[in-house]
Amino acid sequence: MQPLQVNARSHDGRTVVRLRGELDIANAEDLRQKLTTARQELGEQVVLDLTDLEFMDSHGLSVIIHCYKAATAAGGGLTLAAPRPIVRRTLEVTGLTMRMNVTDSLDEALAEPAGATP
């Protein structure tokens, strides 16, 4: 099991949060807190870079949904960038790809207008 690494930075008015490793019950609450802090410090237009996210369980989905609701309630948005096939499948099965913007790459996410929806 690879521990989750979280790196937040600002990029052209967006909060880009890179996730690396596995997102599950063991670290979901820690990520929820880090995303809240990143949104407060860097802004509500959030891009989650999922390029290096190897696994995500239902607790991880819950964190993403919470971030989406909080960001949109504050006038921002959430884009999920470059999920691996196993993570994308989880997003598709749960219907989140119909509600959230999901892109094939981080570059594509950053090229879209802030707050774009599916």
N, C-alpha and C. Protein backbone atom coordinates (compact mmCIF):
# COMPACT_ATOMS: atom_id res chain seq x y z
N MET A 1 0.83 -1.19 0.00
CA MET A 1 0.00 0.00 0.00
C MET A 1 0.88 1.25 0.00
N GLN A 2 0.58 2.13 -0.91
CA GLN A 2 1.35 3.38 -1.02
C GLN A 2 0.62 4.48 -0.27
N PRO A 3 1.27 5.14 0.69
CA PRO A 3 0.60 6.22 1.42
C PRO A 3 0.25 7.37 0.47
N LEU A 4 -0.82 8.08 0.83
CA LEU A 4 -1.27 9.19 0.00
C LEU A 4 -0.39 10.40 0.23
N GLN A 5 0.07 10.98 -0.87
CA GLN A 5 0.81 12.24 -0.83
C GLN A 5 -0.07 13.31 -1.47
N VAL A 6 -0.10 14.48 -0.84
CA VAL A 6 -0.94 15.57 -1.31
C VAL A 6 -0.07 16.81 -1.46
N ASN A 7 -0.15 17.45 -2.63
CA ASN A 7 0.63 18.65 -2.90
C ASN A 7 -0.31 19.68 -3.51
N ALA A 8 -0.49 20.81 -2.83
CA ALA A 8 -1.37 21.88 -3.33
C ALA A 8 -0.54 23.07 -3.77
N ARG A 9 -0.97 23.68 -4.89
CA ARG A 9 -0.30 24.87 -5.39
C ARG A 9 -1.32 25.72 -6.14
N SER A 10 -0.96 26.97 -6.34
CA SER A 10 -1.79 27.87 -7.11
C SER A 10 -1.27 27.90 -8.55
N HIS A 11 -2.20 27.95 -9.50
CA HIS A 11 -1.83 28.03 -10.92
C HIS A 11 -2.88 28.85 -11.64
N ASP A 12 -2.53 30.04 -12.04
CA ASP A 12 -3.43 30.92 -12.80
C ASP A 12 -4.81 31.04 -12.17
N GLY A 13 -4.83 31.30 -10.88
CA GLY A 13 -6.09 31.51 -10.18
C GLY A 13 -6.82 30.24 -9.78
N ARG A 14 -6.20 29.12 -9.96
CA ARG A 14 -6.80 27.85 -9.58
C ARG A 14 -5.99 27.17 -8.49
N THR A 15 -6.66 26.37 -7.74
CA THR A 15 -6.01 25.54 -6.73
C THR A 15 -5.80 24.17 -7.34
N VAL A 16 -4.56 23.81 -7.57
CA VAL A 16 -4.25 22.51 -8.16
C VAL A 16 -3.72 21.61 -7.04
N VAL A 17 -4.42 20.50 -6.84
CA VAL A 17 -4.04 19.57 -5.78
C VAL A 17 -3.70 18.23 -6.43
N ARG A 18 -2.45 17.84 -6.27
CA ARG A 18 -1.97 16.58 -6.85
C ARG A 18 -2.06 15.48 -5.80
N LEU A 19 -2.69 14.38 -6.17
CA LEU A 19 -2.80 13.22 -5.28
C LEU A 19 -1.93 12.10 -5.84
N ARG A 20 -1.17 11.49 -4.94
CA ARG A 20 -0.29 10.39 -5.36
C ARG A 20 -0.40 9.27 -4.33
N GLY A 21 -0.64 8.06 -4.81
CA GLY A 21 -0.74 6.91 -3.91
C GLY A 21 -2.14 6.36 -3.88
N GLU A 22 -2.60 5.97 -2.68
CA GLU A 22 -3.91 5.34 -2.51
C GLU A 22 -4.76 6.16 -1.56
N LEU A 23 -6.00 6.40 -1.97
CA LEU A 23 -6.95 7.16 -1.17
C LEU A 23 -8.00 6.20 -0.64
N ASP A 24 -8.00 6.04 0.69
CA ASP A 24 -8.93 5.10 1.30
C ASP A 24 -9.30 5.55 2.71
N ILE A 25 -9.95 4.69 3.45
CA ILE A 25 -10.44 5.03 4.78
C ILE A 25 -9.32 5.53 5.69
N ALA A 26 -8.12 5.03 5.49
CA ALA A 26 -7.00 5.39 6.37
C ALA A 26 -6.57 6.85 6.24
N ASN A 27 -6.83 7.48 5.08
CA ASN A 27 -6.34 8.84 4.89
C ASN A 27 -7.39 9.82 4.35
N ALA A 28 -8.63 9.37 4.23
CA ALA A 28 -9.67 10.21 3.64
C ALA A 28 -9.92 11.48 4.47
N GLU A 29 -9.99 11.35 5.77
CA GLU A 29 -10.26 12.54 6.59
C GLU A 29 -9.11 13.53 6.54
N ASP A 30 -7.90 13.03 6.49
CA ASP A 30 -6.74 13.92 6.35
C ASP A 30 -6.81 14.69 5.03
N LEU A 31 -7.18 14.00 3.95
CA LEU A 31 -7.32 14.68 2.66
C LEU A 31 -8.44 15.71 2.72
N ARG A 32 -9.55 15.38 3.34
CA ARG A 32 -10.66 16.33 3.46
C ARG A 32 -10.18 17.64 4.10
N GLN A 33 -9.40 17.51 5.16
CA GLN A 33 -8.88 18.69 5.85
C GLN A 33 -7.88 19.46 4.97
N LYS A 34 -7.03 18.74 4.26
CA LYS A 34 -6.06 19.41 3.38
C LYS A 34 -6.74 20.13 2.23
N LEU A 35 -7.80 19.54 1.68
CA LEU A 35 -8.52 20.20 0.60
C LEU A 35 -9.23 21.45 1.10
N THR A 36 -9.79 21.38 2.29
CA THR A 36 -10.45 22.56 2.88
C THR A 36 -9.45 23.68 3.06
N THR A 37 -8.28 23.36 3.61
CA THR A 37 -7.24 24.36 3.81
C THR A 37 -6.76 24.93 2.48
N ALA A 38 -6.55 24.07 1.50
CA ALA A 38 -6.09 24.54 0.18
C ALA A 38 -7.12 25.47 -0.45
N ARG A 39 -8.40 25.13 -0.36
CA ARG A 39 -9.44 26.00 -0.92
C ARG A 39 -9.47 27.34 -0.21
N GLN A 40 -9.34 27.33 1.10
CA GLN A 40 -9.36 28.58 1.87
C GLN A 40 -8.16 29.47 1.54
N GLU A 41 -7.01 28.86 1.35
CA GLU A 41 -5.78 29.62 1.13
C GLU A 41 -5.55 29.99 -0.33
N LEU A 42 -5.98 29.12 -1.27
CA LEU A 42 -5.63 29.30 -2.68
C LEU A 42 -6.82 29.59 -3.59
N GLY A 43 -8.03 29.33 -3.13
CA GLY A 43 -9.20 29.63 -3.94
C GLY A 43 -10.09 28.44 -4.20
N GLU A 44 -11.32 28.75 -4.61
CA GLU A 44 -12.38 27.75 -4.76
C GLU A 44 -12.45 27.10 -6.14
N GLN A 45 -11.64 27.55 -7.09
CA GLN A 45 -11.56 26.88 -8.39
C GLN A 45 -10.51 25.78 -8.27
N VAL A 46 -10.96 24.56 -8.03
CA VAL A 46 -10.07 23.46 -7.68
C VAL A 46 -9.92 22.48 -8.84
N VAL A 47 -8.68 22.08 -9.08
CA VAL A 47 -8.36 21.00 -10.01
C VAL A 47 -7.67 19.91 -9.21
N LEU A 48 -8.27 18.73 -9.17
CA LEU A 48 -7.63 17.58 -8.53
C LEU A 48 -6.87 16.82 -9.60
N ASP A 49 -5.56 16.79 -9.49
CA ASP A 49 -4.71 16.05 -10.42
C ASP A 49 -4.64 14.60 -9.94
N LEU A 50 -5.33 13.72 -10.64
CA LEU A 50 -5.43 12.31 -10.24
C LEU A 50 -4.47 11.42 -11.03
N THR A 51 -3.54 12.01 -11.74
CA THR A 51 -2.61 11.26 -12.59
C THR A 51 -1.94 10.12 -11.83
N ASP A 52 -1.51 10.38 -10.61
CA ASP A 52 -0.76 9.39 -9.84
C ASP A 52 -1.56 8.76 -8.71
N LEU A 53 -2.90 8.90 -8.77
CA LEU A 53 -3.75 8.24 -7.78
C LEU A 53 -3.98 6.80 -8.25
N GLU A 54 -3.48 5.84 -7.47
CA GLU A 54 -3.50 4.44 -7.87
C GLU A 54 -4.76 3.71 -7.47
N PHE A 55 -5.44 4.18 -6.43
CA PHE A 55 -6.63 3.49 -5.92
C PHE A 55 -7.47 4.48 -5.14
N MET A 56 -8.80 4.28 -5.19
CA MET A 56 -9.70 5.12 -4.40
C MET A 56 -10.90 4.28 -3.99
N ASP A 57 -11.23 4.29 -2.70
CA ASP A 57 -12.41 3.57 -2.24
C ASP A 57 -13.57 4.55 -2.02
N SER A 58 -14.65 4.07 -1.43
CA SER A 58 -15.84 4.90 -1.23
C SER A 58 -15.58 6.08 -0.30
N HIS A 59 -14.64 5.95 0.60
CA HIS A 59 -14.29 7.08 1.48
C HIS A 59 -13.63 8.19 0.67
N GLY A 60 -12.82 7.81 -0.31
CA GLY A 60 -12.23 8.80 -1.21
C GLY A 60 -13.27 9.49 -2.05
N LEU A 61 -14.25 8.73 -2.54
CA LEU A 61 -15.36 9.34 -3.28
C LEU A 61 -16.09 10.36 -2.43
N SER A 62 -16.30 10.02 -1.19
CA SER A 62 -16.98 10.93 -0.26
C SER A 62 -16.22 12.25 -0.12
N VAL A 63 -14.91 12.17 -0.04
CA VAL A 63 -14.09 13.38 0.07
C VAL A 63 -14.22 14.23 -1.19
N ILE A 64 -14.20 13.60 -2.35
CA ILE A 64 -14.33 14.33 -3.61
C ILE A 64 -15.70 15.00 -3.70
N ILE A 65 -16.73 14.28 -3.33
CA ILE A 65 -18.08 14.86 -3.34
C ILE A 65 -18.17 16.04 -2.39
N HIS A 66 -17.60 15.90 -1.21
CA HIS A 66 -17.59 17.00 -0.23
C HIS A 66 -16.88 18.22 -0.80
N CYS A 67 -15.73 18.02 -1.43
CA CYS A 67 -14.97 19.12 -2.02
C CYS A 67 -15.77 19.78 -3.14
N TYR A 68 -16.42 18.98 -3.97
CA TYR A 68 -17.24 19.51 -5.06
C TYR A 68 -18.36 20.39 -4.51
N LYS A 69 -19.08 19.89 -3.52
CA LYS A 69 -20.19 20.64 -2.94
C LYS A 69 -19.71 21.93 -2.27
N ALA A 70 -18.62 21.85 -1.54
CA ALA A 70 -18.10 23.03 -0.84
C ALA A 70 -17.59 24.07 -1.83
N ALA A 71 -16.87 23.64 -2.85
CA ALA A 71 -16.32 24.58 -3.84
C ALA A 71 -17.44 25.25 -4.63
N THR A 72 -18.42 24.47 -5.08
CA THR A 72 -19.50 25.07 -5.87
C THR A 72 -20.39 25.96 -5.01
N ALA A 73 -20.59 25.60 -3.76
CA ALA A 73 -21.39 26.44 -2.86
C ALA A 73 -20.72 27.79 -2.63
N ALA A 74 -19.40 27.81 -2.72
CA ALA A 74 -18.64 29.05 -2.52
C ALA A 74 -18.43 29.81 -3.84
N GLY A 75 -19.08 29.34 -4.90
CA GLY A 75 -18.96 30.02 -6.19
C GLY A 75 -17.83 29.52 -7.06
N GLY A 76 -17.18 28.46 -6.66
CA GLY A 76 -16.07 27.90 -7.42
C GLY A 76 -16.48 26.67 -8.19
N GLY A 77 -15.54 25.78 -8.37
CA GLY A 77 -15.81 24.56 -9.10
C GLY A 77 -14.73 23.52 -8.85
N LEU A 78 -14.97 22.33 -9.35
CA LEU A 78 -14.02 21.24 -9.20
C LEU A 78 -13.88 20.50 -10.52
N THR A 79 -12.65 20.31 -10.94
CA THR A 79 -12.33 19.50 -12.12
C THR A 79 -11.44 18.36 -11.67
N LEU A 80 -11.74 17.17 -12.16
CA LEU A 80 -10.92 15.99 -11.88
C LEU A 80 -10.07 15.73 -13.12
N ALA A 81 -8.77 15.80 -12.96
CA ALA A 81 -7.86 15.69 -14.11
C ALA A 81 -7.13 14.36 -14.13
N ALA A 82 -7.18 13.72 -15.28
CA ALA A 82 -6.35 12.56 -15.63
C ALA A 82 -6.47 11.36 -14.69
N PRO A 83 -7.70 10.94 -14.38
CA PRO A 83 -7.79 9.74 -13.54
C PRO A 83 -7.34 8.50 -14.29
N ARG A 84 -6.65 7.62 -13.60
CA ARG A 84 -6.26 6.34 -14.18
C ARG A 84 -7.52 5.53 -14.46
N PRO A 85 -7.43 4.52 -15.32
CA PRO A 85 -8.63 3.75 -15.67
C PRO A 85 -9.40 3.19 -14.47
N ILE A 86 -8.71 2.68 -13.47
CA ILE A 86 -9.42 2.10 -12.32
C ILE A 86 -10.17 3.19 -11.54
N VAL A 87 -9.59 4.36 -11.43
CA VAL A 87 -10.24 5.47 -10.73
C VAL A 87 -11.37 6.03 -11.60
N ARG A 88 -11.13 6.19 -12.88
CA ARG A 88 -12.17 6.67 -13.80
C ARG A 88 -13.38 5.75 -13.77
N ARG A 89 -13.15 4.45 -13.76
CA ARG A 89 -14.26 3.49 -13.73
C ARG A 89 -15.11 3.69 -12.48
N THR A 90 -14.47 3.91 -11.35
CA THR A 90 -15.21 4.17 -10.10
C THR A 90 -16.05 5.43 -10.24
N LEU A 91 -15.49 6.46 -10.84
CA LEU A 91 -16.22 7.71 -11.05
C LEU A 91 -17.40 7.50 -12.00
N GLU A 92 -17.21 6.69 -13.02
CA GLU A 92 -18.28 6.43 -13.99
C GLU A 92 -19.41 5.61 -13.37
N VAL A 93 -19.05 4.54 -12.66
CA VAL A 93 -20.04 3.65 -12.06
C VAL A 93 -20.93 4.40 -11.07
N THR A 94 -20.34 5.34 -10.35
CA THR A 94 -21.10 6.10 -9.36
C THR A 94 -21.83 7.29 -9.97
N GLY A 95 -21.62 7.56 -11.24
CA GLY A 95 -22.31 8.65 -11.91
C GLY A 95 -21.67 10.02 -11.72
N LEU A 96 -20.52 10.07 -11.09
CA LEU A 96 -19.89 11.37 -10.83
C LEU A 96 -19.38 12.04 -12.09
N THR A 97 -19.09 11.26 -13.12
CA THR A 97 -18.64 11.87 -14.37
C THR A 97 -19.76 12.65 -15.04
N MET A 98 -20.99 12.39 -14.66
CA MET A 98 -22.13 13.14 -15.20
C MET A 98 -22.33 14.47 -14.48
N ARG A 99 -21.83 14.57 -13.26
CA ARG A 99 -22.00 15.78 -12.44
C ARG A 99 -20.75 16.65 -12.40
N MET A 100 -19.60 16.02 -12.52
CA MET A 100 -18.34 16.74 -12.38
C MET A 100 -17.58 16.75 -13.70
N ASN A 101 -16.76 17.75 -13.86
CA ASN A 101 -15.92 17.85 -15.03
C ASN A 101 -14.71 16.93 -14.85
N VAL A 102 -14.52 16.01 -15.79
CA VAL A 102 -13.39 15.08 -15.76
C VAL A 102 -12.65 15.23 -17.08
N THR A 103 -11.34 15.49 -17.00
CA THR A 103 -10.53 15.66 -18.21
C THR A 103 -9.50 14.54 -18.32
N ASP A 104 -8.96 14.38 -19.51
CA ASP A 104 -7.98 13.33 -19.76
C ASP A 104 -6.58 13.68 -19.30
N SER A 105 -6.32 14.97 -19.09
CA SER A 105 -4.98 15.39 -18.67
C SER A 105 -5.06 16.64 -17.81
N LEU A 106 -4.01 16.90 -17.08
CA LEU A 106 -3.93 18.12 -16.29
C LEU A 106 -3.88 19.33 -17.21
N ASP A 107 -3.14 19.24 -18.29
CA ASP A 107 -3.06 20.36 -19.24
C ASP A 107 -4.44 20.72 -19.77
N GLU A 108 -5.24 19.71 -20.09
CA GLU A 108 -6.60 19.95 -20.58
C GLU A 108 -7.44 20.64 -19.51
N ALA A 109 -7.31 20.21 -18.27
CA ALA A 109 -8.07 20.83 -17.18
C ALA A 109 -7.68 22.29 -17.01
N LEU A 110 -6.41 22.58 -17.11
CA LEU A 110 -5.94 23.95 -16.91
C LEU A 110 -6.24 24.85 -18.11
N ALA A 111 -6.49 24.25 -19.28
CA ALA A 111 -6.80 25.02 -20.48
C ALA A 111 -8.28 25.40 -20.53
N GLU A 112 -9.12 24.71 -19.78
CA GLU A 112 -10.56 24.99 -19.79
C GLU A 112 -10.86 26.24 -18.99
N PRO A 113 -11.96 26.90 -19.31
CA PRO A 113 -12.37 28.04 -18.49
C PRO A 113 -12.67 27.57 -17.07
N ALA A 114 -12.31 28.37 -16.10
CA ALA A 114 -12.56 28.02 -14.70
C ALA A 114 -14.05 27.81 -14.49
N GLY A 115 -14.39 26.75 -13.77
CA GLY A 115 -15.78 26.47 -13.47
C GLY A 115 -16.53 25.74 -14.56
N ALA A 116 -15.82 25.18 -15.55
CA ALA A 116 -16.49 24.44 -16.62
C ALA A 116 -17.19 23.22 -16.04
N THR A 117 -18.33 22.89 -16.62
CA THR A 117 -19.09 21.74 -16.16
C THR A 117 -19.24 20.74 -17.30
N PRO A 118 -19.55 19.48 -16.97
CA PRO A 118 -19.68 18.46 -18.03
C PRO A 118 -20.84 18.73 -18.96
